[in-house]
């Protein structure tokens, strides 16, 4: 990270969260360590991320990761393309799909559901002022419910924010992501 922010004192909960990351992943993602200078900001980021990406939803974990990659591709976020591209490769079992989504989701052979979901997420990223009822109706026609549409918008919005923070501070992905699920 380009900023020289020293790690602060972490709460017991955040210390346990870092330990869980080490146990499950073998490392603590740099997006988390970059927030470690402020325990409250780390807690808020982790809670929001975990709710959006892991909590029960009509969207699968893979679908949420696909949104993260499509949005991050538009924003050219190196950190998120690397980290979430690895997640798409792992969750889909398809390294080609992971790479296609990183480069251009439109080149991938996607279901109507996934294409519509990513089209909406990208439009929300590029031209949010142009989102209208016809866009939500397209999602409904593709099989998404009202709560699913909320979740698509929330995930896309979260990654737009986190992409901008990653760019602002030159956040770099952990080296481990590069070799995952290849």
N, C-alpha and C. Protein backbone atom coordinates (compact mmCIF):
# COMPACT_ATOMS: atom_id res chain seq x y z
N UNK A 1 0.85 -1.18 0.00
CA UNK A 1 0.00 0.00 0.00
C UNK A 1 0.89 1.24 0.00
N UNK A 2 0.46 2.24 -0.68
CA UNK A 2 1.25 3.45 -0.84
C UNK A 2 1.27 4.34 0.40
N UNK A 3 0.35 4.13 1.32
CA UNK A 3 0.30 4.95 2.53
C UNK A 3 1.05 4.26 3.67
N UNK A 4 1.77 5.05 4.42
CA UNK A 4 2.53 4.51 5.53
C UNK A 4 1.70 4.61 6.81
N UNK A 5 0.71 3.75 6.91
CA UNK A 5 -0.16 3.72 8.09
C UNK A 5 0.23 2.52 8.94
N UNK A 6 0.56 2.77 10.15
CA UNK A 6 0.99 1.71 11.06
C UNK A 6 -0.22 0.96 11.59
N UNK A 7 -0.12 -0.36 11.71
CA UNK A 7 -1.22 -1.12 12.29
C UNK A 7 -1.55 -0.63 13.69
N UNK A 8 -2.82 -0.55 13.98
CA UNK A 8 -3.28 -0.15 15.30
C UNK A 8 -3.56 -1.38 16.15
N UNK A 9 -4.03 -1.13 17.35
CA UNK A 9 -4.43 -2.22 18.23
C UNK A 9 -5.74 -2.80 17.72
N UNK A 10 -5.76 -4.10 17.51
CA UNK A 10 -6.96 -4.76 17.01
C UNK A 10 -7.77 -5.32 18.17
N UNK A 11 -9.07 -5.24 18.04
CA UNK A 11 -9.96 -5.84 19.03
C UNK A 11 -9.77 -7.35 19.02
N UNK A 12 -10.24 -7.99 20.06
CA UNK A 12 -10.15 -9.45 20.13
C UNK A 12 -10.89 -10.08 18.94
N UNK A 13 -12.02 -9.48 18.56
CA UNK A 13 -12.78 -9.99 17.42
C UNK A 13 -12.00 -9.92 16.12
N UNK A 14 -11.31 -8.81 15.89
CA UNK A 14 -10.52 -8.67 14.66
C UNK A 14 -9.26 -9.53 14.70
N UNK A 15 -8.68 -9.70 15.87
CA UNK A 15 -7.55 -10.62 15.99
C UNK A 15 -7.99 -12.04 15.64
N UNK A 16 -9.17 -12.43 16.12
CA UNK A 16 -9.71 -13.76 15.81
C UNK A 16 -10.02 -13.88 14.31
N UNK A 17 -10.52 -12.80 13.71
CA UNK A 17 -10.82 -12.79 12.28
C UNK A 17 -9.54 -13.00 11.46
N UNK A 18 -8.47 -12.31 11.83
CA UNK A 18 -7.19 -12.49 11.14
C UNK A 18 -6.70 -13.92 11.32
N UNK A 19 -6.84 -14.47 12.51
CA UNK A 19 -6.40 -15.85 12.77
C UNK A 19 -7.22 -16.84 11.92
N UNK A 20 -8.51 -16.57 11.78
CA UNK A 20 -9.37 -17.43 10.95
C UNK A 20 -8.94 -17.36 9.48
N UNK A 21 -8.58 -16.16 9.02
CA UNK A 21 -8.08 -16.02 7.65
C UNK A 21 -6.81 -16.84 7.46
N UNK A 22 -5.91 -16.73 8.39
CA UNK A 22 -4.65 -17.50 8.33
C UNK A 22 -4.94 -19.00 8.26
N UNK A 23 -5.88 -19.43 9.10
CA UNK A 23 -6.23 -20.86 9.16
C UNK A 23 -6.87 -21.33 7.86
N UNK A 24 -7.84 -20.57 7.34
CA UNK A 24 -8.60 -21.00 6.17
C UNK A 24 -7.88 -20.73 4.85
N UNK A 25 -7.21 -19.59 4.77
CA UNK A 25 -6.60 -19.17 3.50
C UNK A 25 -5.08 -19.38 3.47
N UNK A 26 -4.48 -19.37 4.66
CA UNK A 26 -3.02 -19.43 4.74
C UNK A 26 -2.39 -18.04 4.75
N UNK A 27 -3.21 -17.00 4.73
CA UNK A 27 -2.73 -15.62 4.75
C UNK A 27 -3.90 -14.70 5.12
N UNK A 28 -3.57 -13.48 5.48
CA UNK A 28 -4.59 -12.46 5.72
C UNK A 28 -4.63 -11.57 4.48
N UNK A 29 -5.78 -11.47 3.82
CA UNK A 29 -5.85 -10.64 2.62
C UNK A 29 -5.41 -9.20 2.89
N UNK A 30 -4.67 -8.65 1.95
CA UNK A 30 -4.16 -7.29 2.11
C UNK A 30 -5.25 -6.25 2.25
N UNK A 31 -6.44 -6.52 1.70
CA UNK A 31 -7.55 -5.58 1.88
C UNK A 31 -7.86 -5.43 3.37
N UNK A 32 -7.67 -6.48 4.14
CA UNK A 32 -7.91 -6.41 5.59
C UNK A 32 -6.75 -5.77 6.31
N UNK A 33 -5.52 -6.17 5.96
CA UNK A 33 -4.37 -5.57 6.65
C UNK A 33 -4.27 -4.08 6.35
N UNK A 34 -4.76 -3.65 5.18
CA UNK A 34 -4.71 -2.22 4.87
C UNK A 34 -5.64 -1.42 5.78
N UNK A 35 -6.66 -2.07 6.32
CA UNK A 35 -7.60 -1.40 7.24
C UNK A 35 -7.16 -1.51 8.69
N UNK A 36 -6.10 -2.25 8.96
CA UNK A 36 -5.71 -2.56 10.34
C UNK A 36 -5.20 -1.35 11.12
N UNK A 37 -5.05 -0.22 10.47
CA UNK A 37 -4.65 1.00 11.19
C UNK A 37 -5.80 1.57 12.01
N UNK A 38 -7.02 1.12 11.71
CA UNK A 38 -8.21 1.66 12.39
C UNK A 38 -9.18 0.50 12.65
N UNK A 39 -9.21 0.04 13.88
CA UNK A 39 -10.01 -1.13 14.24
C UNK A 39 -11.48 -0.95 13.88
N UNK A 40 -12.03 0.23 14.07
CA UNK A 40 -13.44 0.47 13.77
C UNK A 40 -13.70 0.36 12.26
N UNK A 41 -12.81 0.90 11.44
CA UNK A 41 -12.98 0.81 9.99
C UNK A 41 -12.82 -0.63 9.52
N UNK A 42 -11.87 -1.35 10.09
CA UNK A 42 -11.70 -2.75 9.76
C UNK A 42 -12.97 -3.53 10.11
N UNK A 43 -13.52 -3.29 11.29
CA UNK A 43 -14.74 -3.98 11.71
C UNK A 43 -15.90 -3.67 10.77
N UNK A 44 -16.05 -2.41 10.40
CA UNK A 44 -17.14 -2.02 9.51
C UNK A 44 -16.97 -2.65 8.14
N UNK A 45 -15.76 -2.61 7.59
CA UNK A 45 -15.51 -3.20 6.28
C UNK A 45 -15.77 -4.70 6.31
N UNK A 46 -15.23 -5.39 7.30
CA UNK A 46 -15.39 -6.84 7.39
C UNK A 46 -16.85 -7.23 7.57
N UNK A 47 -17.58 -6.49 8.40
CA UNK A 47 -18.99 -6.81 8.62
C UNK A 47 -19.78 -6.63 7.32
N UNK A 48 -19.54 -5.54 6.61
CA UNK A 48 -20.27 -5.28 5.38
C UNK A 48 -19.92 -6.33 4.32
N UNK A 49 -18.62 -6.59 4.16
CA UNK A 49 -18.17 -7.61 3.20
C UNK A 49 -18.81 -8.96 3.52
N UNK A 50 -18.71 -9.39 4.77
CA UNK A 50 -19.23 -10.71 5.15
C UNK A 50 -20.73 -10.80 4.95
N UNK A 51 -21.44 -9.71 5.22
CA UNK A 51 -22.89 -9.72 5.00
C UNK A 51 -23.20 -9.82 3.51
N UNK A 52 -22.55 -9.03 2.69
CA UNK A 52 -22.84 -9.03 1.25
C UNK A 52 -22.41 -10.33 0.56
N UNK A 53 -21.26 -10.85 0.94
CA UNK A 53 -20.68 -11.94 0.19
C UNK A 53 -20.94 -13.33 0.78
N UNK A 54 -21.28 -13.40 2.06
CA UNK A 54 -21.41 -14.71 2.71
C UNK A 54 -22.77 -14.99 3.31
N UNK A 55 -23.54 -13.96 3.59
CA UNK A 55 -24.85 -14.16 4.23
C UNK A 55 -25.83 -14.81 3.25
N UNK A 56 -26.89 -15.41 3.78
CA UNK A 56 -27.89 -16.01 2.89
C UNK A 56 -28.42 -14.99 1.88
N UNK A 57 -28.59 -15.46 0.66
CA UNK A 57 -29.03 -14.61 -0.44
C UNK A 57 -29.58 -15.50 -1.54
N UNK A 58 -30.41 -14.95 -2.38
CA UNK A 58 -30.84 -15.65 -3.58
C UNK A 58 -29.73 -15.74 -4.61
N UNK A 59 -28.65 -14.99 -4.38
CA UNK A 59 -27.47 -15.06 -5.25
C UNK A 59 -26.49 -16.06 -4.65
N UNK A 60 -25.93 -16.89 -5.49
CA UNK A 60 -24.90 -17.82 -5.01
C UNK A 60 -23.61 -17.05 -4.72
N UNK A 61 -22.72 -17.70 -4.00
CA UNK A 61 -21.41 -17.11 -3.74
C UNK A 61 -20.70 -16.84 -5.08
N UNK A 62 -20.80 -17.77 -6.01
CA UNK A 62 -20.18 -17.57 -7.32
C UNK A 62 -20.77 -16.35 -8.02
N UNK A 63 -22.09 -16.19 -7.99
CA UNK A 63 -22.70 -15.04 -8.65
C UNK A 63 -22.22 -13.73 -8.04
N UNK A 64 -22.08 -13.70 -6.72
CA UNK A 64 -21.58 -12.47 -6.07
C UNK A 64 -20.14 -12.20 -6.48
N UNK A 65 -19.34 -13.25 -6.58
CA UNK A 65 -17.94 -13.07 -7.03
C UNK A 65 -17.89 -12.64 -8.49
N UNK A 66 -18.79 -13.15 -9.31
CA UNK A 66 -18.85 -12.73 -10.72
C UNK A 66 -19.14 -11.24 -10.82
N UNK A 67 -20.06 -10.76 -9.99
CA UNK A 67 -20.35 -9.32 -9.97
C UNK A 67 -19.10 -8.54 -9.58
N UNK A 68 -18.41 -9.01 -8.54
CA UNK A 68 -17.18 -8.32 -8.09
C UNK A 68 -16.18 -8.21 -9.23
N UNK A 69 -16.02 -9.27 -10.00
CA UNK A 69 -15.06 -9.27 -11.10
C UNK A 69 -15.52 -8.36 -12.24
N UNK A 70 -16.78 -8.43 -12.62
CA UNK A 70 -17.25 -7.59 -13.73
C UNK A 70 -17.12 -6.11 -13.39
N UNK A 71 -17.51 -5.73 -12.18
CA UNK A 71 -17.39 -4.33 -11.74
C UNK A 71 -15.92 -3.93 -11.70
N UNK A 72 -15.08 -4.79 -11.14
CA UNK A 72 -13.66 -4.49 -11.00
C UNK A 72 -12.96 -4.41 -12.35
N UNK A 73 -13.48 -5.14 -13.34
CA UNK A 73 -12.92 -5.06 -14.68
C UNK A 73 -13.17 -3.68 -15.28
N UNK A 74 -14.39 -3.18 -15.13
CA UNK A 74 -14.71 -1.84 -15.62
C UNK A 74 -13.80 -0.81 -14.94
N UNK A 75 -13.60 -0.98 -13.64
CA UNK A 75 -12.81 -0.02 -12.86
C UNK A 75 -11.31 -0.29 -12.92
N UNK A 76 -10.91 -1.37 -13.59
CA UNK A 76 -9.50 -1.75 -13.72
C UNK A 76 -8.81 -1.84 -12.36
N UNK A 77 -9.49 -2.47 -11.42
CA UNK A 77 -8.95 -2.62 -10.07
C UNK A 77 -8.09 -3.88 -9.99
N UNK A 78 -6.80 -3.69 -9.99
CA UNK A 78 -5.86 -4.80 -9.98
C UNK A 78 -6.07 -5.71 -8.76
N UNK A 79 -6.25 -5.11 -7.60
CA UNK A 79 -6.43 -5.91 -6.40
C UNK A 79 -7.64 -6.83 -6.55
N UNK A 80 -8.78 -6.27 -6.86
CA UNK A 80 -10.02 -7.05 -6.88
C UNK A 80 -10.07 -8.01 -8.06
N UNK A 81 -9.53 -7.63 -9.20
CA UNK A 81 -9.50 -8.56 -10.32
C UNK A 81 -8.67 -9.79 -9.97
N UNK A 82 -7.57 -9.60 -9.27
CA UNK A 82 -6.72 -10.71 -8.90
C UNK A 82 -7.39 -11.58 -7.83
N UNK A 83 -7.86 -10.96 -6.77
CA UNK A 83 -8.46 -11.70 -5.65
C UNK A 83 -9.78 -12.36 -6.04
N UNK A 84 -10.66 -11.62 -6.66
CA UNK A 84 -11.98 -12.16 -6.98
C UNK A 84 -11.96 -13.00 -8.26
N UNK A 85 -11.01 -12.73 -9.14
CA UNK A 85 -10.81 -13.64 -10.28
C UNK A 85 -10.42 -15.02 -9.78
N UNK A 86 -9.56 -15.08 -8.76
CA UNK A 86 -9.18 -16.36 -8.16
C UNK A 86 -10.40 -17.04 -7.54
N UNK A 87 -11.26 -16.26 -6.89
CA UNK A 87 -12.48 -16.84 -6.29
C UNK A 87 -13.40 -17.41 -7.36
N UNK A 88 -13.56 -16.71 -8.48
CA UNK A 88 -14.40 -17.22 -9.57
C UNK A 88 -13.81 -18.52 -10.11
N UNK A 89 -12.49 -18.56 -10.31
CA UNK A 89 -11.86 -19.79 -10.78
C UNK A 89 -12.13 -20.93 -9.82
N UNK A 90 -11.99 -20.66 -8.53
CA UNK A 90 -12.16 -21.70 -7.51
C UNK A 90 -13.62 -22.15 -7.41
N UNK A 91 -14.54 -21.21 -7.31
CA UNK A 91 -15.94 -21.56 -7.12
C UNK A 91 -16.58 -22.20 -8.35
N UNK A 92 -16.14 -21.80 -9.53
CA UNK A 92 -16.71 -22.34 -10.76
C UNK A 92 -16.00 -23.62 -11.19
N UNK A 93 -14.77 -23.82 -10.71
CA UNK A 93 -13.97 -24.95 -11.18
C UNK A 93 -13.53 -24.76 -12.62
N UNK A 94 -13.60 -23.53 -13.09
CA UNK A 94 -13.32 -23.23 -14.49
C UNK A 94 -12.36 -22.04 -14.57
N UNK A 95 -11.04 -22.32 -14.73
CA UNK A 95 -10.08 -21.22 -14.80
C UNK A 95 -10.29 -20.33 -16.02
N UNK A 96 -10.84 -20.87 -17.10
CA UNK A 96 -11.10 -20.05 -18.29
C UNK A 96 -12.19 -19.02 -17.99
N UNK A 97 -13.26 -19.45 -17.31
CA UNK A 97 -14.31 -18.51 -16.95
C UNK A 97 -13.75 -17.38 -16.10
N UNK A 98 -12.93 -17.72 -15.13
CA UNK A 98 -12.32 -16.69 -14.29
C UNK A 98 -11.55 -15.67 -15.09
N UNK A 99 -10.78 -16.13 -16.05
CA UNK A 99 -9.99 -15.21 -16.88
C UNK A 99 -10.87 -14.41 -17.83
N UNK A 100 -11.88 -15.04 -18.41
CA UNK A 100 -12.78 -14.31 -19.30
C UNK A 100 -13.50 -13.19 -18.57
N UNK A 101 -13.97 -13.46 -17.37
CA UNK A 101 -14.67 -12.41 -16.62
C UNK A 101 -13.73 -11.26 -16.28
N UNK A 102 -12.48 -11.58 -15.99
CA UNK A 102 -11.50 -10.53 -15.70
C UNK A 102 -11.29 -9.65 -16.93
N UNK A 103 -11.22 -10.26 -18.08
CA UNK A 103 -10.91 -9.51 -19.31
C UNK A 103 -12.15 -8.88 -19.95
N UNK A 104 -13.22 -9.68 -20.08
CA UNK A 104 -14.41 -9.20 -20.78
C UNK A 104 -15.52 -10.23 -20.60
N UNK A 105 -16.40 -10.00 -19.65
CA UNK A 105 -17.45 -10.98 -19.36
C UNK A 105 -18.33 -11.25 -20.58
N UNK A 106 -18.40 -10.31 -21.51
CA UNK A 106 -19.25 -10.48 -22.68
C UNK A 106 -18.72 -11.58 -23.61
N UNK A 107 -17.46 -11.94 -23.47
CA UNK A 107 -16.87 -13.00 -24.29
C UNK A 107 -17.15 -14.39 -23.73
N UNK A 108 -17.64 -14.46 -22.50
CA UNK A 108 -17.92 -15.75 -21.86
C UNK A 108 -19.28 -16.29 -22.28
N UNK A 109 -19.39 -17.61 -22.33
CA UNK A 109 -20.67 -18.24 -22.59
C UNK A 109 -21.42 -18.31 -21.27
N UNK A 110 -22.30 -17.35 -21.06
CA UNK A 110 -23.03 -17.23 -19.80
C UNK A 110 -24.50 -17.55 -20.01
N UNK A 111 -25.15 -18.00 -18.95
CA UNK A 111 -26.59 -18.17 -18.99
C UNK A 111 -27.24 -16.79 -19.12
N UNK A 112 -28.50 -16.76 -19.52
CA UNK A 112 -29.24 -15.50 -19.59
C UNK A 112 -29.24 -14.84 -18.22
N UNK A 113 -29.42 -15.63 -17.18
CA UNK A 113 -29.43 -15.11 -15.80
C UNK A 113 -28.14 -14.36 -15.51
N UNK A 114 -27.01 -15.00 -15.78
CA UNK A 114 -25.72 -14.39 -15.44
C UNK A 114 -25.40 -13.21 -16.34
N UNK A 115 -25.72 -13.31 -17.61
CA UNK A 115 -25.46 -12.19 -18.52
C UNK A 115 -26.28 -10.97 -18.10
N UNK A 116 -27.54 -11.17 -17.77
CA UNK A 116 -28.41 -10.06 -17.36
C UNK A 116 -27.90 -9.44 -16.06
N UNK A 117 -27.50 -10.29 -15.12
CA UNK A 117 -26.97 -9.82 -13.84
C UNK A 117 -25.71 -8.97 -14.04
N UNK A 118 -24.81 -9.43 -14.89
CA UNK A 118 -23.57 -8.69 -15.11
C UNK A 118 -23.81 -7.44 -15.95
N UNK A 119 -24.72 -7.51 -16.92
CA UNK A 119 -25.06 -6.31 -17.69
C UNK A 119 -25.58 -5.21 -16.75
N UNK A 120 -26.45 -5.58 -15.82
CA UNK A 120 -26.99 -4.62 -14.86
C UNK A 120 -25.86 -4.06 -13.99
N UNK A 121 -25.00 -4.93 -13.48
CA UNK A 121 -23.91 -4.49 -12.60
C UNK A 121 -22.95 -3.54 -13.31
N UNK A 122 -22.67 -3.83 -14.56
CA UNK A 122 -21.76 -2.98 -15.33
C UNK A 122 -22.44 -1.65 -15.66
N UNK A 123 -23.71 -1.69 -16.01
CA UNK A 123 -24.43 -0.43 -16.28
C UNK A 123 -24.47 0.42 -15.01
N UNK A 124 -24.71 -0.21 -13.86
CA UNK A 124 -24.71 0.52 -12.59
C UNK A 124 -23.34 1.13 -12.30
N UNK A 125 -22.29 0.50 -12.78
CA UNK A 125 -20.93 1.00 -12.60
C UNK A 125 -20.61 2.15 -13.56
N UNK A 126 -20.96 1.96 -14.82
CA UNK A 126 -20.59 2.93 -15.86
C UNK A 126 -21.54 4.13 -15.96
N UNK A 127 -22.82 3.85 -15.89
CA UNK A 127 -23.83 4.91 -16.10
C UNK A 127 -24.99 4.73 -15.12
N UNK A 128 -24.73 4.91 -13.84
CA UNK A 128 -25.79 4.66 -12.85
C UNK A 128 -27.03 5.53 -13.06
N UNK A 129 -26.85 6.71 -13.61
CA UNK A 129 -27.99 7.60 -13.83
C UNK A 129 -28.94 7.09 -14.91
N UNK A 130 -28.51 6.10 -15.67
CA UNK A 130 -29.35 5.54 -16.73
C UNK A 130 -30.11 4.29 -16.30
N UNK A 131 -29.89 3.81 -15.08
CA UNK A 131 -30.64 2.65 -14.58
C UNK A 131 -32.10 3.04 -14.46
N UNK A 132 -32.95 2.21 -15.03
CA UNK A 132 -34.39 2.47 -14.97
C UNK A 132 -35.17 1.19 -14.75
N UNK A 133 -36.47 1.34 -14.75
CA UNK A 133 -37.35 0.20 -14.50
C UNK A 133 -37.12 -0.93 -15.50
N UNK A 134 -36.79 -0.58 -16.74
CA UNK A 134 -36.55 -1.62 -17.75
C UNK A 134 -35.36 -2.51 -17.37
N UNK A 135 -34.38 -1.95 -16.67
CA UNK A 135 -33.23 -2.74 -16.23
C UNK A 135 -33.64 -3.71 -15.12
N UNK A 136 -34.44 -3.23 -14.18
CA UNK A 136 -34.94 -4.11 -13.11
C UNK A 136 -35.88 -5.16 -13.68
N UNK A 137 -36.67 -4.78 -14.67
CA UNK A 137 -37.59 -5.74 -15.30
C UNK A 137 -36.80 -6.83 -16.02
N UNK A 138 -35.70 -6.48 -16.65
CA UNK A 138 -34.86 -7.48 -17.31
C UNK A 138 -34.34 -8.50 -16.28
N UNK A 139 -33.98 -8.02 -15.10
CA UNK A 139 -33.53 -8.93 -14.04
C UNK A 139 -34.68 -9.84 -13.59
N UNK A 140 -35.86 -9.28 -13.44
CA UNK A 140 -37.03 -10.10 -13.06
C UNK A 140 -37.28 -11.18 -14.11
N UNK A 141 -37.22 -10.78 -15.39
CA UNK A 141 -37.45 -11.72 -16.48
C UNK A 141 -36.40 -12.83 -16.49
N UNK A 142 -35.20 -12.53 -16.03
CA UNK A 142 -34.12 -13.53 -15.95
C UNK A 142 -34.23 -14.40 -14.71
N UNK A 143 -35.25 -14.15 -13.88
CA UNK A 143 -35.49 -15.01 -12.73
C UNK A 143 -35.10 -14.46 -11.38
N UNK A 144 -34.71 -13.21 -11.32
CA UNK A 144 -34.33 -12.60 -10.05
C UNK A 144 -35.54 -12.01 -9.35
N UNK A 145 -35.61 -12.22 -8.03
CA UNK A 145 -36.65 -11.62 -7.23
C UNK A 145 -36.26 -10.24 -6.76
N UNK A 146 -37.16 -9.60 -6.06
CA UNK A 146 -36.92 -8.23 -5.58
C UNK A 146 -35.70 -8.17 -4.66
N UNK A 147 -35.59 -9.10 -3.74
CA UNK A 147 -34.43 -9.12 -2.84
C UNK A 147 -33.14 -9.39 -3.60
N UNK A 148 -33.21 -10.24 -4.62
CA UNK A 148 -32.03 -10.51 -5.45
C UNK A 148 -31.56 -9.25 -6.15
N UNK A 149 -32.51 -8.46 -6.65
CA UNK A 149 -32.14 -7.21 -7.33
C UNK A 149 -31.45 -6.27 -6.35
N UNK A 150 -31.98 -6.20 -5.12
CA UNK A 150 -31.31 -5.41 -4.07
C UNK A 150 -29.88 -5.91 -3.88
N UNK A 151 -29.71 -7.24 -3.77
CA UNK A 151 -28.39 -7.81 -3.52
C UNK A 151 -27.43 -7.55 -4.68
N UNK A 152 -27.92 -7.64 -5.90
CA UNK A 152 -27.07 -7.33 -7.06
C UNK A 152 -26.59 -5.89 -6.98
N UNK A 153 -27.51 -4.98 -6.71
CA UNK A 153 -27.14 -3.57 -6.58
C UNK A 153 -26.18 -3.33 -5.42
N UNK A 154 -26.40 -3.99 -4.31
CA UNK A 154 -25.54 -3.80 -3.14
C UNK A 154 -24.13 -4.32 -3.39
N UNK A 155 -24.02 -5.49 -4.00
CA UNK A 155 -22.70 -6.06 -4.29
C UNK A 155 -21.96 -5.18 -5.30
N UNK A 156 -22.64 -4.80 -6.37
CA UNK A 156 -22.00 -3.94 -7.38
C UNK A 156 -21.56 -2.62 -6.76
N UNK A 157 -22.39 -2.04 -5.93
CA UNK A 157 -22.05 -0.76 -5.28
C UNK A 157 -20.87 -0.89 -4.34
N UNK A 158 -20.84 -1.97 -3.57
CA UNK A 158 -19.73 -2.21 -2.64
C UNK A 158 -18.41 -2.29 -3.39
N UNK A 159 -18.40 -3.02 -4.51
CA UNK A 159 -17.14 -3.15 -5.25
C UNK A 159 -16.75 -1.86 -5.96
N UNK A 160 -17.68 -1.06 -6.35
CA UNK A 160 -17.32 0.25 -6.88
C UNK A 160 -16.60 1.06 -5.81
N UNK A 161 -17.11 1.03 -4.59
CA UNK A 161 -16.46 1.75 -3.49
C UNK A 161 -15.09 1.14 -3.18
N UNK A 162 -15.03 -0.17 -3.03
CA UNK A 162 -13.76 -0.78 -2.63
C UNK A 162 -12.72 -0.68 -3.75
N UNK A 163 -13.15 -0.72 -5.02
CA UNK A 163 -12.21 -0.52 -6.12
C UNK A 163 -11.57 0.86 -6.03
N UNK A 164 -12.36 1.85 -5.70
CA UNK A 164 -11.83 3.21 -5.61
C UNK A 164 -10.86 3.36 -4.44
N UNK A 165 -11.16 2.70 -3.33
CA UNK A 165 -10.22 2.75 -2.20
C UNK A 165 -8.92 2.04 -2.55
N UNK A 166 -9.03 0.90 -3.21
CA UNK A 166 -7.83 0.16 -3.60
C UNK A 166 -6.95 1.01 -4.53
N UNK A 167 -7.58 1.72 -5.45
CA UNK A 167 -6.82 2.60 -6.33
C UNK A 167 -6.23 3.79 -5.57
N UNK A 168 -7.00 4.34 -4.65
CA UNK A 168 -6.55 5.52 -3.90
C UNK A 168 -5.28 5.25 -3.11
N UNK A 169 -5.15 4.02 -2.59
CA UNK A 169 -4.01 3.72 -1.71
C UNK A 169 -3.03 2.73 -2.34
N UNK A 170 -3.22 2.43 -3.63
CA UNK A 170 -2.37 1.49 -4.36
C UNK A 170 -2.28 0.14 -3.63
N UNK A 171 -3.45 -0.38 -3.27
CA UNK A 171 -3.52 -1.67 -2.60
C UNK A 171 -3.14 -2.77 -3.59
N UNK A 172 -2.27 -3.66 -3.17
CA UNK A 172 -1.81 -4.74 -4.03
C UNK A 172 -2.31 -6.08 -3.49
N UNK A 173 -2.67 -7.01 -4.39
CA UNK A 173 -3.16 -8.31 -3.94
C UNK A 173 -2.03 -9.16 -3.35
N UNK A 174 -2.41 -10.05 -2.47
CA UNK A 174 -1.46 -11.02 -1.94
C UNK A 174 -0.97 -11.89 -3.10
N UNK A 175 0.30 -12.24 -3.07
CA UNK A 175 0.89 -13.06 -4.14
C UNK A 175 0.18 -14.41 -4.26
N UNK A 176 -0.34 -14.93 -3.19
CA UNK A 176 -0.99 -16.24 -3.21
C UNK A 176 -2.16 -16.31 -4.17
N UNK A 177 -2.86 -15.20 -4.40
CA UNK A 177 -4.02 -15.21 -5.29
C UNK A 177 -3.65 -15.59 -6.72
N UNK A 178 -2.46 -15.22 -7.15
CA UNK A 178 -2.08 -15.42 -8.55
C UNK A 178 -2.07 -16.88 -8.97
N UNK A 179 -1.72 -17.76 -8.06
CA UNK A 179 -1.64 -19.18 -8.41
C UNK A 179 -2.84 -20.01 -8.04
N UNK A 180 -3.84 -19.41 -7.42
CA UNK A 180 -4.99 -20.19 -6.95
C UNK A 180 -5.89 -20.65 -8.10
N UNK A 181 -6.32 -21.92 -7.98
CA UNK A 181 -7.33 -22.52 -8.87
C UNK A 181 -6.98 -22.38 -10.35
N UNK A 182 -5.74 -22.65 -10.66
CA UNK A 182 -5.32 -22.60 -12.07
C UNK A 182 -5.14 -24.00 -12.60
